[in-house]
Amino acid sequence: MIEKPYHDRDGYIWMDGEFVDWRESKVHILTHSLHYGSAVFEGDRAYEGEIFRLSDHSARLVKSGEHMGYEIPYTVAQIDQACTETLAKSGLGDAYVRPIAWRGSDMMGVASKNNQIHLAVAVWHWGSYFSDKMKGIRLCWADWKRPAPDTIPCKSKGAGLYMICTLSKDAATAKGFDDALMLDFRGRVAECTGAHIFFIRDGELHTPTNDILLDGITHDTVLKLAARRGYKVYKRDIYPSELPHFSECFVVGTAAEVTPVREIQGVKYTPAEVCHALASDYDELVRGKISL
């Protein structure tokens, strides 16, 4: 069955303080962020009617706007409220929540300061990011690298920064893989196109340093879950030559949640105790069955 396109659905989207019919929630073709990639967004997940770590996502959205040179005209509390109200109006319990801010169409050109900043929130049902995820996904190497921190505002969840992620994801699926693993500008293992990565050896976790990566909320959650279980975690530079020496691997993100990896372009892993334990803990945490 073909999924209904996103522009043609029933429901409502919160836009600049009011609810608009889903099909009528439109922006002008000369919207500045459409041309210059300065929109910022979040991906939140709701479980059983509660949005997990909502205020952390809203705070990161505000900070992303600051990295892009503008101030979102809503406080963290107001963004939280907009997300909560939009979720309630959707009638969904388990859902994906997308707040997005952008520069409007008041002026066109590289200069942007006279453009009004807008904010919208949309909610829809979204199941597992990867099909049959507990079997483990397959990754290939991306052709594109995560750039140096002095070339992009890498701590912003900005729309323009995802261009190479889209290219890498599409290339990976065309080759029969589920996703692509990106290196950074120094040749270090960085992240997948929308998820951070962990490796396991001898019951200990290893994850790339985070000097160029988005400060992941799910990544932070998994670090806390690992500490809760007493797992030792090394946050360090990881290079491709090390990959055959790990026994397990998994990726984490709001959309991906905790997803085991069974292959990285010929290097095989067997999802086992640590993967399954943290995936289970994460599911129980987001559904309120355990706490940190």
C-alpha atoms as a PDB file:
ATOM      1  CA  MET A   1       0.000   0.000   0.000  1.00  0.00           C
ATOM      2  CA  ILE A   2       1.361   3.421  -0.994  1.00  0.00           C
ATOM      3  CA  GLU A   3       1.539   5.843   1.926  1.00  0.00           C
ATOM      4  CA  LYS A   4      -0.539   8.970   1.517  1.00  0.00           C
ATOM      5  CA  PRO A   5       1.652  11.973   0.581  1.00  0.00           C
ATOM      6  CA  TYR A   6       2.430  14.339   3.413  1.00  0.00           C
ATOM      7  CA  HIS A   7       0.810  17.362   1.785  1.00  0.00           C
ATOM      8  CA  ASP A   8      -2.550  15.600   1.389  1.00  0.00           C
ATOM      9  CA  ARG A   9      -3.645  14.462   4.835  1.00  0.00           C
ATOM     10  CA  ASP A  10      -6.386  15.182   7.321  1.00  0.00           C
ATOM     11  CA  GLY A  11      -5.591  17.107  10.483  1.00  0.00           C
ATOM     12  CA  TYR A  12      -4.053  20.353  11.627  1.00  0.00           C
ATOM     13  CA  ILE A  13      -0.629  21.970  11.841  1.00  0.00           C
ATOM     14  CA  TRP A  14       0.274  24.621  14.395  1.00  0.00           C
ATOM     15  CA  MET A  15       1.662  27.682  12.582  1.00  0.00           C
ATOM     16  CA  ASP A  16       2.711  30.914  14.254  1.00  0.00           C
ATOM     17  CA  GLY A  17       0.360  30.466  17.185  1.00  0.00           C
ATOM     18  CA  GLU A  18      -2.735  29.022  15.564  1.00  0.00           C
ATOM     19  CA  PHE A  19      -3.945  25.777  14.069  1.00  0.00           C
ATOM     20  CA  VAL A  20      -4.216  25.632  10.285  1.00  0.00           C
ATOM     21  CA  ASP A  21      -5.877  22.924   8.226  1.00  0.00           C
ATOM     22  CA  TRP A  22      -3.167  20.406   7.257  1.00  0.00           C
ATOM     23  CA  ARG A  23      -3.656  20.935   3.529  1.00  0.00           C
ATOM     24  CA  GLU A  24      -3.622  24.734   3.857  1.00  0.00           C
ATOM     25  CA  SER A  25      -0.385  25.028   5.867  1.00  0.00           C
ATOM     26  CA  LYS A  26       1.691  26.630   3.115  1.00  0.00           C
ATOM     27  CA  VAL A  27       4.649  28.986   2.701  1.00  0.00           C
ATOM     28  CA  HIS A  28       5.536  31.207  -0.253  1.00  0.00           C
ATOM     29  CA  ILE A  29       7.880  29.960  -2.982  1.00  0.00           C
ATOM     30  CA  LEU A  30      10.285  32.824  -2.163  1.00  0.00           C
ATOM     31  CA  THR A  31      10.661  31.786   1.450  1.00  0.00           C
ATOM     32  CA  HIS A  32      14.259  32.610   2.340  1.00  0.00           C
ATOM     33  CA  SER A  33      15.020  29.345   4.140  1.00  0.00           C
ATOM     34  CA  LEU A  34      13.795  27.330   1.144  1.00  0.00           C
ATOM     35  CA  HIS A  35      16.486  28.961  -0.996  1.00  0.00           C
ATOM     36  CA  TYR A  36      19.316  29.248   1.527  1.00  0.00           C
ATOM     37  CA  GLY A  37      18.807  26.279   3.858  1.00  0.00           C
ATOM     38  CA  SER A  38      18.536  28.178   7.148  1.00  0.00           C
ATOM     39  CA  ALA A  39      15.485  26.398   8.566  1.00  0.00           C
ATOM     40  CA  VAL A  40      16.062  24.593  11.858  1.00  0.00           C
ATOM     41  CA  PHE A  41      13.987  21.723  13.149  1.00  0.00           C
ATOM     42  CA  GLU A  42      13.614  19.005  15.727  1.00  0.00           C
ATOM     43  CA  GLY A  43      12.435  15.428  15.620  1.00  0.00           C
ATOM     44  CA  ASP A  44      10.580  14.524  18.811  1.00  0.00           C
ATOM     45  CA  ARG A  45       8.811  11.267  19.567  1.00  0.00           C
ATOM     46  CA  ALA A  46       5.703  10.793  21.637  1.00  0.00           C
ATOM     47  CA  TYR A  47       5.016   7.538  23.427  1.00  0.00           C
ATOM     48  CA  GLU A  48       1.572   6.884  24.874  1.00  0.00           C
ATOM     49  CA  GLY A  49       0.724  10.551  24.696  1.00  0.00           C
ATOM     50  CA  GLU A  50       3.922  11.938  26.241  1.00  0.00           C
ATOM     51  CA  ILE A  51       6.722  13.563  24.229  1.00  0.00           C
ATOM     52  CA  PHE A  52      10.059  12.185  25.397  1.00  0.00           C
ATOM     53  CA  ARG A  53      12.514  14.837  26.641  1.00  0.00           C
ATOM     54  CA  LEU A  54      10.366  17.544  25.071  1.00  0.00           C
ATOM     55  CA  SER A  55      12.007  20.532  26.749  1.00  0.00           C
ATOM     56  CA  ASP A  56      15.472  19.309  25.747  1.00  0.00           C
ATOM     57  CA  HIS A  57      14.347  19.207  22.115  1.00  0.00           C
ATOM     58  CA  SER A  58      12.726  22.636  22.334  1.00  0.00           C
ATOM     59  CA  ALA A  59      15.845  24.122  23.937  1.00  0.00           C
ATOM     60  CA  ARG A  60      18.019  22.650  21.199  1.00  0.00           C
ATOM     61  CA  LEU A  61      15.682  24.139  18.578  1.00  0.00           C
ATOM     62  CA  VAL A  62      16.129  27.596  20.098  1.00  0.00           C
ATOM     63  CA  LYS A  63      19.891  27.106  20.204  1.00  0.00           C
ATOM     64  CA  SER A  64      19.912  25.905  16.578  1.00  0.00           C
ATOM     65  CA  GLY A  65      18.256  29.149  15.538  1.00  0.00           C
ATOM     66  CA  GLU A  66      20.924  31.117  17.400  1.00  0.00           C
ATOM     67  CA  HIS A  67      23.635  29.172  15.577  1.00  0.00           C
ATOM     68  CA  MET A  68      21.921  30.200  12.329  1.00  0.00           C
ATOM     69  CA  GLY A  69      21.929  33.841  13.345  1.00  0.00           C
ATOM     70  CA  TYR A  70      18.324  34.376  14.396  1.00  0.00           C
ATOM     71  CA  GLU A  71      16.090  34.249  17.436  1.00  0.00           C
ATOM     72  CA  ILE A  72      12.966  32.096  17.354  1.00  0.00           C
ATOM     73  CA  PRO A  73      10.165  34.346  18.706  1.00  0.00           C
ATOM     74  CA  TYR A  74       8.935  31.726  21.171  1.00  0.00           C
ATOM     75  CA  THR A  75      10.325  30.544  24.482  1.00  0.00           C
ATOM     76  CA  VAL A  76      11.169  26.923  25.236  1.00  0.00           C
ATOM     77  CA  ALA A  77       8.004  26.707  27.354  1.00  0.00           C
ATOM     78  CA  GLN A  78       5.882  28.086  24.500  1.00  0.00           C
ATOM     79  CA  ILE A  79       7.395  25.619  22.030  1.00  0.00           C
ATOM     80  CA  ASP A  80       6.720  22.808  24.512  1.00  0.00           C
ATOM     81  CA  GLN A  81       3.099  23.940  24.740  1.00  0.00           C
ATOM     82  CA  ALA A  82       2.713  24.129  20.959  1.00  0.00           C
ATOM     83  CA  CYS A  83       4.070  20.599  20.585  1.00  0.00           C
ATOM     84  CA  THR A  84       1.859  19.250  23.374  1.00  0.00           C
ATOM     85  CA  GLU A  85      -1.267  20.917  21.994  1.00  0.00           C
ATOM     86  CA  THR A  86      -0.568  19.714  18.454  1.00  0.00           C
ATOM     87  CA  LEU A  87      -0.061  16.154  19.692  1.00  0.00           C
ATOM     88  CA  ALA A  88      -3.338  16.312  21.614  1.00  0.00           C
ATOM     89  CA  LYS A  89      -5.208  17.709  18.597  1.00  0.00           C
ATOM     90  CA  SER A  90      -3.840  14.882  16.433  1.00  0.00           C
ATOM     91  CA  GLY A  91      -5.429  12.255  18.663  1.00  0.00           C
ATOM     92  CA  LEU A  92      -2.284  10.134  18.444  1.00  0.00           C
ATOM     93  CA  GLY A  93      -0.532   8.462  21.356  1.00  0.00           C
ATOM     94  CA  ASP A  94       2.635   7.225  19.658  1.00  0.00           C
ATOM     95  CA  ALA A  95       3.728   9.828  17.111  1.00  0.00           C
ATOM     96  CA  TYR A  96       6.520  11.828  15.545  1.00  0.00           C
ATOM     97  CA  VAL A  97       6.562  15.540  16.371  1.00  0.00           C
ATOM     98  CA  ARG A  98       8.280  18.002  14.014  1.00  0.00           C
ATOM     99  CA  PRO A  99       8.736  21.620  15.160  1.00  0.00           C
ATOM    100  CA  ILE A 100      10.430  23.733  12.504  1.00  0.00           C
ATOM    101  CA  ALA A 101      11.474  27.393  12.349  1.00  0.00           C
ATOM    102  CA  TRP A 102      12.397  29.307   9.218  1.00  0.00           C
ATOM    103  CA  ARG A 103      13.119  32.699   7.704  1.00  0.00           C
ATOM    104  CA  GLY A 104      10.149  33.979   5.740  1.00  0.00           C
ATOM    105  CA  SER A 105       9.659  35.664   2.368  1.00  0.00           C
ATOM    106  CA  ASP A 106       9.952  39.319   3.403  1.00  0.00           C
ATOM    107  CA  MET A 107      13.170  39.726   1.436  1.00  0.00           C
ATOM    108  CA  MET A 108      15.165  37.641  -1.030  1.00  0.00           C
ATOM    109  CA  GLY A 109      18.918  37.368  -1.441  1.00  0.00           C
ATOM    110  CA  VAL A 110      21.763  36.088   0.674  1.00  0.00           C
ATOM    111  CA  ALA A 111      21.157  38.798   3.278  1.00  0.00           C
ATOM    112  CA  SER A 112      18.459  37.725   5.688  1.00  0.00           C
ATOM    113  CA  LYS A 113      18.027  40.113   8.613  1.00  0.00           C
ATOM    114  CA  ASN A 114      14.690  41.603   7.520  1.00  0.00           C
ATOM    115  CA  ASN A 115      12.926  38.249   7.238  1.00  0.00           C
ATOM    116  CA  GLN A 116      10.338  37.336   9.832  1.00  0.00           C
ATOM    117  CA  ILE A 117      11.014  34.101  11.735  1.00  0.00           C
ATOM    118  CA  HIS A 118       8.163  31.604  11.630  1.00  0.00           C
ATOM    119  CA  LEU A 119       7.482  28.464  13.653  1.00  0.00           C
ATOM    120  CA  ALA A 120       5.301  25.456  12.909  1.00  0.00           C
ATOM    121  CA  VAL A 121       4.639  22.088  14.531  1.00  0.00           C
ATOM    122  CA  ALA A 122       3.335  19.005  12.724  1.00  0.00           C
ATOM    123  CA  VAL A 123       2.504  15.602  14.229  1.00  0.00           C
ATOM    124  CA  TRP A 124       2.009  12.329  12.413  1.00  0.00           C
ATOM    125  CA  HIS A 125       2.187   8.597  12.959  1.00  0.00           C
ATOM    126  CA  TRP A 126       5.618   7.166  12.186  1.00  0.00           C
ATOM    127  CA  GLY A 127       6.571   3.627  13.049  1.00  0.00           C
ATOM    128  CA  SER A 128      10.071   2.141  13.064  1.00  0.00           C
ATOM    129  CA  TYR A 129      12.618   4.155  11.112  1.00  0.00           C
ATOM    130  CA  PHE A 130      14.190   0.907   9.895  1.00  0.00           C
ATOM    131  CA  SER A 131      12.144  -2.150   8.932  1.00  0.00           C
ATOM    132  CA  ASP A 132      12.819  -5.270  11.038  1.00  0.00           C
ATOM    133  CA  LYS A 133      15.291  -3.199  13.031  1.00  0.00           C
ATOM    134  CA  MET A 134      16.036  -5.747  15.771  1.00  0.00           C
ATOM    135  CA  LYS A 135      17.494  -8.085  13.154  1.00  0.00           C
ATOM    136  CA  GLY A 136      20.128  -5.428  12.589  1.00  0.00           C
ATOM    137  CA  ILE A 137      20.648  -3.004   9.729  1.00  0.00           C
ATOM    138  CA  ARG A 138      23.329  -2.928   7.044  1.00  0.00           C
ATOM    139  CA  LEU A 139      25.494   0.146   6.491  1.00  0.00           C
ATOM    140  CA  CYS A 140      27.848   1.159   3.705  1.00  0.00           C
ATOM    141  CA  TRP A 141      30.418   3.932   3.669  1.00  0.00           C
ATOM    142  CA  ALA A 142      29.151   7.315   2.574  1.00  0.00           C
ATOM    143  CA  ASP A 143      30.941   9.188  -0.196  1.00  0.00           C
ATOM    144  CA  TRP A 144      30.445  12.470   1.685  1.00  0.00           C
ATOM    145  CA  LYS A 145      32.272  13.473   4.856  1.00  0.00           C
ATOM    146  CA  ARG A 146      31.086  15.499   7.831  1.00  0.00           C
ATOM    147  CA  PRO A 147      32.794  18.882   7.389  1.00  0.00           C
ATOM    148  CA  ALA A 148      35.092  20.753   9.729  1.00  0.00           C
ATOM    149  CA  PRO A 149      33.459  22.826  12.479  1.00  0.00           C
ATOM    150  CA  ASP A 150      34.866  26.050  11.053  1.00  0.00           C
ATOM    151  CA  THR A 151      33.033  25.476   7.749  1.00  0.00           C
ATOM    152  CA  ILE A 152      29.448  24.954   8.960  1.00  0.00           C
ATOM    153  CA  PRO A 153      27.430  25.613  12.131  1.00  0.00           C
ATOM    154  CA  CYS A 154      27.677  21.910  12.975  1.00  0.00           C
ATOM    155  CA  LYS A 155      25.906  22.193  16.338  1.00  0.00           C
ATOM    156  CA  SER A 156      22.715  23.405  14.660  1.00  0.00           C
ATOM    157  CA  LYS A 157      20.039  20.988  13.510  1.00  0.00           C
ATOM    158  CA  GLY A 158      19.793  23.022  10.338  1.00  0.00           C
ATOM    159  CA  ALA A 159      18.071  21.955   7.145  1.00  0.00           C
ATOM    160  CA  GLY A 160      21.000  22.810   4.887  1.00  0.00           C
ATOM    161  CA  LEU A 161      23.350  20.572   6.839  1.00  0.00           C
ATOM    162  CA  TYR A 162      21.286  17.531   5.834  1.00  0.00           C
ATOM    163  CA  MET A 163      21.951  17.818   2.107  1.00  0.00           C
ATOM    164  CA  ILE A 164      24.899  15.403   2.231  1.00  0.00           C
ATOM    165  CA  CYS A 165      22.879  13.120   4.506  1.00  0.00           C
ATOM    166  CA  THR A 166      20.109  12.854   1.902  1.00  0.00           C
ATOM    167  CA  LEU A 167      22.648  12.162  -0.838  1.00  0.00           C
ATOM    168  CA  SER A 168      24.340   9.503   1.292  1.00  0.00           C
ATOM    169  CA  LYS A 169      21.105   7.837   2.398  1.00  0.00           C
ATOM    170  CA  ASP A 170      19.750   7.661  -1.150  1.00  0.00           C
ATOM    171  CA  ALA A 171      23.028   6.227  -2.447  1.00  0.00           C
ATOM    172  CA  ALA A 172      23.053   3.620   0.328  1.00  0.00           C
ATOM    173  CA  THR A 173      19.532   2.391  -0.327  1.00  0.00           C
ATOM    174  CA  ALA A 174      20.243   2.271  -4.078  1.00  0.00           C
ATOM    175  CA  LYS A 175      23.053  -0.181  -3.254  1.00  0.00           C
ATOM    176  CA  GLY A 176      20.766  -2.329  -1.081  1.00  0.00           C
ATOM    177  CA  PHE A 177      21.936  -1.013   2.303  1.00  0.00           C
ATOM    178  CA  ASP A 178      19.774   0.541   4.992  1.00  0.00           C
ATOM    179  CA  ASP A 179      21.911   3.591   5.650  1.00  0.00           C
ATOM    180  CA  ALA A 180      25.369   5.086   5.218  1.00  0.00           C
ATOM    181  CA  LEU A 181      28.118   5.625   7.776  1.00  0.00           C
ATOM    182  CA  MET A 182      29.950   8.909   7.345  1.00  0.00           C
ATOM    183  CA  LEU A 183      33.536   9.781   8.175  1.00  0.00           C
ATOM    184  CA  ASP A 184      34.527  13.261   9.225  1.00  0.00           C
ATOM    185  CA  PHE A 185      36.969  15.595   7.506  1.00  0.00           C
ATOM    186  CA  ARG A 186      39.860  13.946   9.383  1.00  0.00           C
ATOM    187  CA  GLY A 187      38.906  10.394   8.386  1.00  0.00           C
ATOM    188  CA  ARG A 188      37.405   9.497  11.773  1.00  0.00           C
ATOM    189  CA  VAL A 189      34.162   7.555  12.099  1.00  0.00           C
ATOM    190  CA  ALA A 190      31.441  10.179  12.564  1.00  0.00           C
ATOM    191  CA  GLU A 191      27.781   9.142  12.342  1.00  0.00           C
ATOM    192  CA  CYS A 192      25.075   7.775  10.078  1.00  0.00           C
ATOM    193  CA  THR A 193      22.852  10.085   8.065  1.00  0.00           C
ATOM    194  CA  GLY A 194      20.507  10.656  10.992  1.00  0.00           C
ATOM    195  CA  ALA A 195      21.869   8.710  13.948  1.00  0.00           C
ATOM    196  CA  HIS A 196      24.895   8.463  16.229  1.00  0.00           C
ATOM    197  CA  ILE A 197      26.817   5.190  16.470  1.00  0.00           C
ATOM    198  CA  PHE A 198      28.168   2.958  19.240  1.00  0.00           C
ATOM    199  CA  PHE A 199      30.550  -0.013  19.085  1.00  0.00           C
ATOM    200  CA  ILE A 200      31.034  -2.754  21.684  1.00  0.00           C
ATOM    201  CA  ARG A 201      34.119  -4.743  22.605  1.00  0.00           C
ATOM    202  CA  ASP A 202      34.470  -6.944  25.688  1.00  0.00           C
ATOM    203  CA  GLY A 203      31.286  -5.532  27.153  1.00  0.00           C
ATOM    204  CA  GLU A 204      32.505  -1.923  26.896  1.00  0.00           C
ATOM    205  CA  LEU A 205      31.065   0.801  24.668  1.00  0.00           C
ATOM    206  CA  HIS A 206      32.972   3.047  22.288  1.00  0.00           C
ATOM    207  CA  THR A 207      31.411   6.073  20.577  1.00  0.00           C
ATOM    208  CA  PRO A 208      32.953   8.832  18.437  1.00  0.00           C
ATOM    209  CA  THR A 209      33.989  12.122  19.978  1.00  0.00           C
ATOM    210  CA  ASN A 210      31.367  14.791  19.520  1.00  0.00           C
ATOM    211  CA  ASP A 211      33.298  17.922  18.535  1.00  0.00           C
ATOM    212  CA  ILE A 212      31.666  18.142  15.092  1.00  0.00           C
ATOM    213  CA  LEU A 213      28.417  16.260  15.657  1.00  0.00           C
ATOM    214  CA  LEU A 214      25.008  17.436  16.780  1.00  0.00           C
ATOM    215  CA  ASP A 215      24.552  17.066  20.525  1.00  0.00           C
ATOM    216  CA  GLY A 216      22.277  14.050  20.318  1.00  0.00           C
ATOM    217  CA  ILE A 217      19.482  13.777  22.880  1.00  0.00           C
ATOM    218  CA  THR A 218      19.079  10.040  22.302  1.00  0.00           C
ATOM    219  CA  HIS A 219      22.867   9.655  22.409  1.00  0.00           C
ATOM    220  CA  ASP A 220      22.883  11.361  25.805  1.00  0.00           C
ATOM    221  CA  THR A 221      20.029   9.132  26.969  1.00  0.00           C
ATOM    222  CA  VAL A 222      21.856   5.965  25.955  1.00  0.00           C
ATOM    223  CA  LEU A 223      25.004   7.133  27.747  1.00  0.00           C
ATOM    224  CA  LYS A 224      22.908   7.461  30.909  1.00  0.00           C
ATOM    225  CA  LEU A 225      21.315   4.048  30.385  1.00  0.00           C
ATOM    226  CA  ALA A 226      24.763   2.510  29.905  1.00  0.00           C
ATOM    227  CA  ALA A 227      25.931   4.091  33.171  1.00  0.00           C
ATOM    228  CA  ARG A 228      22.828   2.735  34.886  1.00  0.00           C
ATOM    229  CA  ARG A 229      23.879  -0.782  33.857  1.00  0.00           C
ATOM    230  CA  GLY A 230      27.483  -0.191  34.828  1.00  0.00           C
ATOM    231  CA  TYR A 231      28.856  -0.335  31.288  1.00  0.00           C
ATOM    232  CA  LYS A 232      32.088   1.534  30.737  1.00  0.00           C
ATOM    233  CA  VAL A 233      31.934   3.998  27.856  1.00  0.00           C
ATOM    234  CA  TYR A 234      34.853   5.453  25.901  1.00  0.00           C
ATOM    235  CA  LYS A 235      34.116   8.664  23.985  1.00  0.00           C
ATOM    236  CA  ARG A 236      37.064   8.853  21.607  1.00  0.00           C
ATOM    237  CA  ASP A 237      38.321   9.060  18.048  1.00  0.00           C
ATOM    238  CA  ILE A 238      37.457   5.855  16.171  1.00  0.00           C
ATOM    239  CA  TYR A 239      38.989   4.983  12.804  1.00  0.00           C
ATOM    240  CA  PRO A 240      37.710   2.610  10.079  1.00  0.00           C
ATOM    241  CA  SER A 241      40.590   0.174  10.652  1.00  0.00           C
ATOM    242  CA  GLU A 242      39.170  -0.596  14.106  1.00  0.00           C
ATOM    243  CA  LEU A 243      35.783  -1.798  12.920  1.00  0.00           C
ATOM    244  CA  PRO A 244      36.650  -5.521  12.578  1.00  0.00           C
ATOM    245  CA  HIS A 245      37.764  -5.564  16.221  1.00  0.00           C
ATOM    246  CA  PHE A 246      34.319  -4.811  17.682  1.00  0.00           C
ATOM    247  CA  SER A 247      31.718  -7.489  18.390  1.00  0.00           C
ATOM    248  CA  GLU A 248      28.515  -5.441  18.405  1.00  0.00           C
ATOM    249  CA  CYS A 249      27.363  -2.159  16.943  1.00  0.00           C
ATOM    250  CA  PHE A 250      24.207  -0.076  17.140  1.00  0.00           C
ATOM    251  CA  VAL A 251      22.921   3.349  16.110  1.00  0.00           C
ATOM    252  CA  VAL A 252      20.769   5.720  18.136  1.00  0.00           C
ATOM    253  CA  GLY A 253      18.504   8.652  17.370  1.00  0.00           C
ATOM    254  CA  THR A 254      15.004   9.900  18.035  1.00  0.00           C
ATOM    255  CA  ALA A 255      13.775   8.281  14.824  1.00  0.00           C
ATOM    256  CA  ALA A 256      16.098   5.257  14.920  1.00  0.00           C
ATOM    257  CA  GLU A 257      15.723   4.779  18.708  1.00  0.00           C
ATOM    258  CA  VAL A 258      18.271   2.004  19.492  1.00  0.00           C
ATOM    259  CA  THR A 259      18.869  -0.063  16.355  1.00  0.00           C
ATOM    260  CA  PRO A 260      21.467  -2.862  16.120  1.00  0.00           C
ATOM    261  CA  VAL A 261      23.842  -2.997  13.154  1.00  0.00           C
ATOM    262  CA  ARG A 262      24.719  -6.355  11.577  1.00  0.00           C
ATOM    263  CA  GLU A 263      27.062  -5.160   8.846  1.00  0.00           C
ATOM    264  CA  ILE A 264      29.190  -2.198   7.849  1.00  0.00           C
ATOM    265  CA  GLN A 265      30.134  -2.856   4.226  1.00  0.00           C
ATOM    266  CA  GLY A 266      31.417  -6.400   4.713  1.00  0.00           C
ATOM    267  CA  VAL A 267      32.319  -6.177   8.417  1.00  0.00           C
ATOM    268  CA  LYS A 268      29.779  -8.332  10.264  1.00  0.00           C
ATOM    269  CA  TYR A 269      28.387  -7.912  13.768  1.00  0.00           C
ATOM    270  CA  THR A 270      26.060 -10.053  15.843  1.00  0.00           C
ATOM    271  CA  PRO A 271      23.553  -8.084  17.926  1.00  0.00           C
ATOM    272  CA  ALA A 272      23.854  -9.591  21.385  1.00  0.00           C
ATOM    273  CA  GLU A 273      23.601  -8.840  25.073  1.00  0.00           C
ATOM    274  CA  VAL A 274      24.583  -5.164  25.156  1.00  0.00           C
ATOM    275  CA  CYS A 275      22.537  -4.164  22.088  1.00  0.00           C
ATOM    276  CA  HIS A 276      19.451  -5.957  23.311  1.00  0.00           C
ATOM    277  CA  ALA A 277      19.799  -4.699  26.891  1.00  0.00           C
ATOM    278  CA  LEU A 278      20.078  -1.050  25.902  1.00  0.00           C
ATOM    279  CA  ALA A 279      17.332  -1.316  23.278  1.00  0.00           C
ATOM    280  CA  SER A 280      15.043  -2.814  25.909  1.00  0.00           C
ATOM    281  CA  ASP A 281      16.003  -0.213  28.508  1.00  0.00           C
ATOM    282  CA  TYR A 282      15.373   2.610  26.053  1.00  0.00           C
ATOM    283  CA  ASP A 283      11.924   1.284  25.185  1.00  0.00           C
ATOM    284  CA  GLU A 284      11.030   0.988  28.869  1.00  0.00           C
ATOM    285  CA  LEU A 285      12.376   4.469  29.602  1.00  0.00           C
ATOM    286  CA  VAL A 286      10.442   6.302  26.888  1.00  0.00           C
ATOM    287  CA  ARG A 287       7.261   4.524  27.975  1.00  0.00           C
ATOM    288  CA  GLY A 288       7.765   5.459  31.601  1.00  0.00           C
ATOM    289  CA  LYS A 289       8.422   1.956  32.925  1.00  0.00           C
ATOM    290  CA  ILE A 290      11.842   2.873  34.285  1.00  0.00           C
ATOM    291  CA  SER A 291      13.540   6.165  35.137  1.00  0.00           C
ATOM    292  CA  LEU A 292      17.077   7.497  35.194  1.00  0.00           C
END
